[in-house]
N, C-alpha and C. Protein backbone atom coordinates (compact mmCIF):
# COMPACT_ATOMS: atom_id res chain seq x y z
N MET A 1 -27.12 -4.69 -14.71
CA MET A 1 -26.37 -4.45 -16.25
C MET A 1 -24.26 -4.54 -15.33
N ASP A 2 -23.87 -5.56 -16.61
CA ASP A 2 -22.50 -5.08 -16.33
C ASP A 2 -21.82 -3.91 -16.96
N MET A 3 -21.02 -3.20 -15.34
CA MET A 3 -20.20 -2.11 -16.03
C MET A 3 -19.49 -2.43 -17.23
N TRP A 4 -18.98 -2.82 -17.44
CA TRP A 4 -18.25 -3.07 -18.94
C TRP A 4 -18.75 -1.88 -19.84
N LYS A 5 -18.40 -0.64 -20.41
CA LYS A 5 -18.29 0.58 -21.34
C LYS A 5 -19.30 0.01 -22.49
N PRO A 6 -18.73 -1.06 -23.36
CA PRO A 6 -19.47 -1.29 -24.29
C PRO A 6 -20.51 -2.22 -24.54
N TYR A 7 -21.14 -2.88 -22.96
CA TYR A 7 -22.50 -3.00 -22.42
C TYR A 7 -22.99 -1.64 -22.63
N LYS A 8 -22.57 -0.73 -21.95
CA LYS A 8 -23.16 0.31 -21.05
C LYS A 8 -23.65 0.99 -22.54
N ASP A 9 -22.64 1.21 -23.24
CA ASP A 9 -23.13 2.38 -25.04
C ASP A 9 -23.99 1.26 -25.54
N ALA A 10 -23.73 -0.46 -25.80
CA ALA A 10 -24.77 -0.68 -26.15
C ALA A 10 -26.39 -0.59 -25.91
N VAL A 11 -26.68 -0.62 -24.82
CA VAL A 11 -27.66 -0.71 -24.25
C VAL A 11 -28.32 1.36 -24.51
N ASN A 12 -27.06 1.89 -23.98
CA ASN A 12 -27.56 3.74 -24.18
C ASN A 12 -27.94 3.64 -26.23
N THR A 13 -27.20 3.04 -26.66
CA THR A 13 -27.48 3.17 -28.54
C THR A 13 -29.12 1.95 -29.05
N ILE A 14 -29.00 1.18 -27.90
CA ILE A 14 -30.30 0.55 -28.45
C ILE A 14 -31.91 0.77 -27.68
N LEU A 15 -31.04 1.16 -26.25
CA LEU A 15 -32.36 1.56 -25.46
C LEU A 15 -32.68 2.77 -24.39
N PRO A 16 -32.07 3.72 -25.34
CA PRO A 16 -32.38 5.16 -25.22
C PRO A 16 -32.81 6.09 -23.38
N HIS A 17 -33.84 5.37 -24.16
CA HIS A 17 -34.93 5.87 -22.26
C HIS A 17 -34.47 4.59 -21.66
N ALA A 18 -34.04 4.01 -21.78
CA ALA A 18 -34.06 2.40 -20.76
C ALA A 18 -33.06 2.99 -19.51
N LYS A 19 -33.68 2.40 -18.18
CA LYS A 19 -33.33 2.84 -16.63
C LYS A 19 -32.38 1.64 -16.36
N VAL A 20 -30.75 2.37 -16.38
CA VAL A 20 -29.84 0.98 -16.03
C VAL A 20 -29.36 1.00 -15.19
N VAL A 21 -29.48 -0.32 -14.51
CA VAL A 21 -29.44 -0.91 -13.02
C VAL A 21 -28.16 -1.46 -13.13
N VAL A 22 -27.16 -1.16 -12.33
CA VAL A 22 -25.94 -2.42 -12.31
C VAL A 22 -26.05 -3.32 -11.23
N ASP A 23 -25.48 -4.20 -11.54
CA ASP A 23 -25.47 -5.24 -11.32
C ASP A 23 -24.17 -5.11 -9.73
N LYS A 24 -25.00 -5.66 -8.91
CA LYS A 24 -24.34 -5.10 -7.21
C LYS A 24 -23.44 -5.63 -6.71
N PHE A 25 -22.60 -7.01 -7.39
CA PHE A 25 -20.95 -7.14 -7.28
C PHE A 25 -20.11 -6.74 -7.61
N HIS A 26 -20.69 -5.36 -8.73
CA HIS A 26 -19.88 -4.68 -9.17
C HIS A 26 -19.13 -3.36 -8.64
N VAL A 27 -20.53 -3.13 -8.23
CA VAL A 27 -20.11 -2.04 -7.46
C VAL A 27 -19.90 -2.28 -6.13
N VAL A 28 -19.74 -3.74 -5.58
CA VAL A 28 -19.24 -3.77 -4.11
C VAL A 28 -17.47 -4.17 -4.61
N ARG A 29 -17.30 -4.71 -5.40
CA ARG A 29 -15.66 -4.97 -6.35
C ARG A 29 -15.02 -3.54 -6.47
N MET A 30 -15.66 -2.40 -7.17
CA MET A 30 -15.07 -1.30 -7.42
C MET A 30 -14.90 -0.40 -5.56
N ALA A 31 -15.80 -1.06 -5.05
CA ALA A 31 -15.81 -0.12 -3.43
C ALA A 31 -14.97 -1.04 -2.77
N ASN A 32 -14.32 -2.19 -2.64
CA ASN A 32 -13.43 -2.95 -1.87
C ASN A 32 -12.21 -2.15 -2.74
N GLN A 33 -11.86 -2.27 -4.48
CA GLN A 33 -10.86 -1.98 -5.26
C GLN A 33 -10.16 -0.34 -4.39
N ALA A 34 -11.41 0.53 -4.27
CA ALA A 34 -11.25 1.59 -3.92
C ALA A 34 -11.06 1.79 -2.64
N LEU A 35 -11.11 0.74 -1.43
CA LEU A 35 -10.15 1.10 0.04
C LEU A 35 -8.90 0.24 -0.39
N ASP A 36 -8.80 -0.81 -0.84
CA ASP A 36 -7.83 -1.12 -0.66
C ASP A 36 -6.68 -0.27 -1.39
N ASN A 37 -6.74 1.00 -2.14
CA ASN A 37 -5.69 1.92 -3.15
C ASN A 37 -5.94 2.98 -1.88
N VAL A 38 -6.67 2.56 -1.37
CA VAL A 38 -6.26 3.96 -0.02
C VAL A 38 -5.69 3.49 1.12
N ARG A 39 -5.46 2.10 1.56
CA ARG A 39 -4.90 1.48 2.21
C ARG A 39 -3.47 1.44 1.44
N LYS A 40 -3.26 1.18 0.93
CA LYS A 40 -2.20 0.89 -0.03
C LYS A 40 -1.47 2.50 0.11
N SER A 41 -2.08 3.16 -0.06
CA SER A 41 -1.39 4.92 -0.09
C SER A 41 -0.83 5.19 1.05
N LEU A 42 -1.74 4.91 1.87
CA LEU A 42 -1.58 5.50 3.45
C LEU A 42 -0.77 4.12 4.22
N LYS A 43 -0.09 3.44 3.36
CA LYS A 43 0.31 2.08 3.84
C LYS A 43 2.30 2.99 3.55
N ALA A 44 2.62 3.34 3.14
CA ALA A 44 4.11 4.46 2.86
C ALA A 44 4.20 5.61 3.60
N HIS A 45 3.28 6.25 4.65
CA HIS A 45 3.64 6.68 5.45
C HIS A 45 3.69 6.24 7.19
N MET A 46 3.32 4.91 7.18
CA MET A 46 3.44 4.09 8.47
C MET A 46 4.64 3.63 8.67
N SER A 47 4.59 3.30 10.31
CA SER A 47 5.80 2.19 10.50
C SER A 47 5.75 1.13 10.62
N GLN A 48 6.41 0.32 10.48
CA GLN A 48 6.43 -1.21 9.95
C GLN A 48 5.56 -1.79 11.13
N LYS A 49 5.41 -1.37 12.34
CA LYS A 49 4.02 -2.07 13.03
C LYS A 49 3.00 -1.49 12.90
N GLU A 50 2.77 -0.51 12.20
CA GLU A 50 1.62 0.05 11.86
C GLU A 50 1.44 -0.97 10.70
N ARG A 51 1.79 -0.78 9.99
CA ARG A 51 1.60 -1.37 8.52
C ARG A 51 1.15 -3.09 8.54
N ARG A 52 1.89 -4.11 9.68
CA ARG A 52 1.17 -4.96 10.09
C ARG A 52 0.38 -5.37 10.59
N THR A 53 -0.26 -4.21 11.35
CA THR A 53 -1.69 -4.11 11.86
C THR A 53 -2.63 -3.66 11.12
N LEU A 54 -2.65 -2.82 9.87
CA LEU A 54 -3.29 -2.46 8.93
C LEU A 54 -3.28 -4.21 8.06
N MET A 55 -2.08 -4.58 8.37
CA MET A 55 -2.76 -5.73 7.07
C MET A 55 -3.25 -6.61 7.35
N ARG A 56 -3.36 -7.03 8.64
CA ARG A 56 -4.29 -7.70 9.91
C ARG A 56 -5.47 -7.05 10.36
N GLU A 57 -5.59 -6.42 10.17
CA GLU A 57 -7.21 -5.86 10.63
C GLU A 57 -7.83 -5.28 9.06
N ARG A 58 -7.14 -5.39 7.90
CA ARG A 58 -7.91 -4.63 6.88
C ARG A 58 -9.03 -6.10 6.44
N PHE A 59 -9.34 -6.77 7.10
CA PHE A 59 -10.12 -7.58 6.63
C PHE A 59 -11.79 -7.74 6.74
N ILE A 60 -11.23 -6.68 7.93
CA ILE A 60 -13.24 -5.93 9.02
C ILE A 60 -13.43 -4.99 7.78
N LEU A 61 -12.83 -4.42 7.15
CA LEU A 61 -13.80 -3.60 5.43
C LEU A 61 -14.51 -4.54 5.20
N LEU A 62 -14.26 -5.90 4.82
CA LEU A 62 -14.65 -6.88 3.85
C LEU A 62 -16.06 -7.34 4.65
N LYS A 63 -15.61 -7.57 5.73
CA LYS A 63 -16.94 -8.54 6.31
C LYS A 63 -18.10 -7.88 6.42
N ARG A 64 -19.39 -8.73 7.02
CA ARG A 64 -20.49 -8.22 6.68
C ARG A 64 -20.65 -7.94 8.10
N LYS A 65 -21.58 -6.97 8.19
CA LYS A 65 -21.12 -6.36 10.03
C LYS A 65 -22.04 -7.03 10.62
N HIS A 66 -22.69 -8.07 10.35
CA HIS A 66 -23.62 -9.32 11.63
C HIS A 66 -22.35 -9.88 11.86
N ASP A 67 -21.27 -10.48 11.23
CA ASP A 67 -20.34 -11.17 11.33
C ASP A 67 -19.09 -10.81 11.68
N LEU A 68 -19.24 -9.40 12.34
CA LEU A 68 -18.03 -8.50 13.38
C LEU A 68 -18.06 -8.75 14.88
N ASN A 69 -16.99 -9.19 14.70
CA ASN A 69 -17.10 -9.92 16.72
C ASN A 69 -17.22 -8.15 17.36
N GLU A 70 -17.08 -7.91 18.49
CA GLU A 70 -17.39 -6.60 19.47
C GLU A 70 -16.01 -5.57 19.07
N ARG A 71 -14.58 -6.32 18.93
CA ARG A 71 -13.71 -5.47 18.71
C ARG A 71 -13.87 -5.25 17.15
N GLU A 72 -13.65 -5.76 16.44
CA GLU A 72 -14.10 -5.21 15.40
C GLU A 72 -14.94 -4.11 15.35
N SER A 73 -16.44 -4.65 15.74
CA SER A 73 -16.76 -3.23 15.80
C SER A 73 -16.72 -2.08 15.72
N PHE A 74 -16.21 -2.19 17.20
CA PHE A 74 -15.61 -1.18 17.89
C PHE A 74 -14.95 -0.68 16.29
N LEU A 75 -13.14 -1.52 15.94
CA LEU A 75 -12.65 -0.88 15.44
C LEU A 75 -12.83 -0.06 14.03
N LEU A 76 -13.53 -0.59 12.99
CA LEU A 76 -15.02 -0.55 12.16
C LEU A 76 -15.68 0.97 12.36
N ASP A 77 -16.05 1.09 13.47
CA ASP A 77 -17.14 2.43 13.82
C ASP A 77 -16.18 3.77 14.24
N THR A 78 -14.75 3.23 14.55
CA THR A 78 -13.43 4.22 14.61
C THR A 78 -13.21 4.47 13.59
N TRP A 79 -12.43 4.01 12.74
CA TRP A 79 -12.17 4.19 11.37
C TRP A 79 -12.92 5.22 10.77
N LEU A 80 -14.53 4.79 10.47
CA LEU A 80 -15.54 4.96 9.73
C LEU A 80 -16.10 6.66 10.53
N GLY A 81 -15.39 6.72 12.03
CA GLY A 81 -16.42 7.61 12.49
C GLY A 81 -17.38 8.52 12.67
């Protein structure tokens, strides 16, 4: 189901006992937006060099794990510690 509140409200009204399943696309989009917001907030406390590095490497977070090269996998593992 789409995560738009009017849809959720309509389903809850018409089918109060229905199990709601959220569309994967919307969950992934929200996670990406949250990561982007964190990245932007961290940027304020970084040097110009660190900001350039972050800008260049932010796409690692958006890649599928099996598409990462060895360096990108290492960085991601380090970040997620």
